[in-house]
Protein backbone atom coordinates (compact mmCIF):
# COMPACT_ATOMS: atom_id res chain seq x y z
CA UNK A 1 -42.86 28.90 14.62
CA UNK A 2 -43.44 27.29 18.00
CA UNK A 3 -46.92 26.76 19.45
CA UNK A 4 -46.18 29.44 22.07
CA UNK A 5 -45.27 31.90 19.28
CA UNK A 6 -48.46 31.03 17.38
CA UNK A 7 -50.55 31.90 20.45
CA UNK A 8 -48.58 35.11 21.02
CA UNK A 9 -49.32 36.10 17.41
CA UNK A 10 -53.00 35.27 17.92
CA UNK A 11 -53.08 37.45 21.05
CA UNK A 12 -51.41 40.34 19.15
CA UNK A 13 -54.07 40.11 16.40
CA UNK A 14 -56.97 40.34 18.86
CA UNK A 15 -59.91 42.54 17.80
CA UNK A 16 -61.12 44.12 21.06
CA UNK A 17 -64.14 45.78 19.40
CA UNK A 18 -65.48 42.39 18.25
CA UNK A 19 -65.20 41.08 21.82
CA UNK A 20 -67.22 43.83 23.49
CA UNK A 21 -69.71 42.27 25.91
CA UNK A 22 -68.33 38.73 25.45
CA UNK A 23 -67.32 36.42 28.27
CA UNK A 24 -65.81 33.27 26.76
CA UNK A 25 -62.99 30.79 27.26
CA UNK A 26 -61.40 29.09 24.26
CA UNK A 27 -59.46 25.99 25.33
CA UNK A 28 -56.86 24.75 22.84
CA UNK A 29 -55.72 21.16 23.36
CA UNK A 30 -52.63 20.76 21.18
CA UNK A 31 -52.03 17.04 20.76
CA UNK A 32 -48.27 17.29 20.21
CA UNK A 33 -47.49 20.29 22.46
CA UNK A 34 -48.75 22.21 25.51
CA UNK A 35 -52.37 23.23 26.02
CA UNK A 36 -53.40 26.88 26.18
CA UNK A 37 -56.58 28.82 26.81
CA UNK A 38 -57.71 32.30 25.85
CA UNK A 39 -60.01 34.17 28.22
CA UNK A 40 -62.12 36.74 26.35
CA UNK A 41 -63.85 39.15 28.70
CA UNK A 42 -65.63 42.30 27.46
CA UNK A 43 -63.00 43.46 24.99
CA UNK A 44 -59.96 41.95 26.69
CA UNK A 45 -57.97 38.82 25.82
CA UNK A 46 -55.72 36.94 28.21
CA UNK A 47 -53.54 34.04 27.05
CA UNK A 48 -52.78 31.33 29.62
CA UNK A 49 -50.78 28.13 29.40
CA UNK A 50 -52.54 24.99 30.58
CA UNK A 51 -56.17 23.94 30.97
CA UNK A 52 -59.16 26.02 32.06
CA UNK A 53 -61.57 24.28 34.44
CA UNK A 54 -64.71 25.35 32.55
CA UNK A 55 -64.05 26.40 28.93
CA UNK A 56 -66.86 27.63 26.64
CA UNK A 57 -65.44 25.54 23.81
CA UNK A 58 -62.45 23.20 23.48
CA UNK A 59 -60.59 22.93 20.17
CA UNK A 60 -58.42 19.84 19.71
CA UNK A 61 -55.78 19.74 16.98
CA UNK A 62 -52.07 19.21 16.38
CA UNK A 63 -49.54 22.05 16.15
CA UNK A 64 -49.39 21.88 12.34
CA UNK A 65 -53.16 22.45 12.02
CA UNK A 66 -52.99 25.30 14.56
CA UNK A 67 -50.21 27.03 12.63
CA UNK A 68 -52.09 26.62 9.34
CA UNK A 69 -55.28 28.14 10.73
CA UNK A 70 -53.53 31.09 12.40
CA UNK A 71 -51.42 31.82 9.30
CA UNK A 72 -54.50 31.65 7.10
CA UNK A 73 -53.14 28.75 5.02
CA UNK A 74 -55.76 26.36 6.44
CA UNK A 75 -59.47 27.12 6.62
CA UNK A 76 -60.81 26.18 10.06
CA UNK A 77 -64.05 24.73 8.67
CA UNK A 78 -62.13 22.62 6.13
CA UNK A 79 -59.81 21.37 8.89
CA UNK A 80 -62.88 20.46 10.94
CA UNK A 81 -64.49 18.59 8.02
CA UNK A 82 -61.22 16.76 7.32
CA UNK A 83 -61.00 15.61 10.95
CA UNK A 84 -57.85 17.65 11.67
CA UNK A 85 -59.76 19.82 14.15
CA UNK A 86 -62.25 18.62 16.76
CA UNK A 87 -64.46 20.77 18.95
CA UNK A 88 -66.17 20.03 22.27
CA UNK A 89 -68.69 22.30 23.94
CA UNK A 90 -70.40 25.18 22.14
CA UNK A 91 -69.19 24.54 18.59
CA UNK A 92 -70.77 27.75 17.27
CA UNK A 93 -68.29 29.72 19.38
CA UNK A 94 -65.44 28.23 17.35
CA UNK A 95 -66.75 30.18 14.35
CA UNK A 96 -66.30 33.43 16.32
CA UNK A 97 -62.51 33.00 16.38
CA UNK A 98 -62.26 34.52 12.90
CA UNK A 99 -64.12 37.63 14.10
CA UNK A 100 -62.07 37.96 17.29
CA UNK A 101 -58.64 37.48 15.72
CA UNK A 102 -57.24 38.60 12.37
CA UNK A 103 -55.92 35.42 10.78
CA UNK A 104 -53.29 35.32 8.06
């Protein structure tokens, strides 16, 4: 699965109810592919290619780690502890990804 397909799958598994009242930007810097960002705004989710100028949190990983987390094969916290995933900005927001998107 390509990185673009992984993000499309993520967007399809968006939980709008969990995002009610939220206004966040998740920046994904994929070390071996293109960067993407997800704009979450009061129950909506918009996927964009490229960088956002002011993300709430930036997640840095390679495409293999991304695919593992989205498929549910890799636990995000374990990937973070193992150094496969880095976060910049509001790191607590990274934990909300599991609530906003059905993984696996």
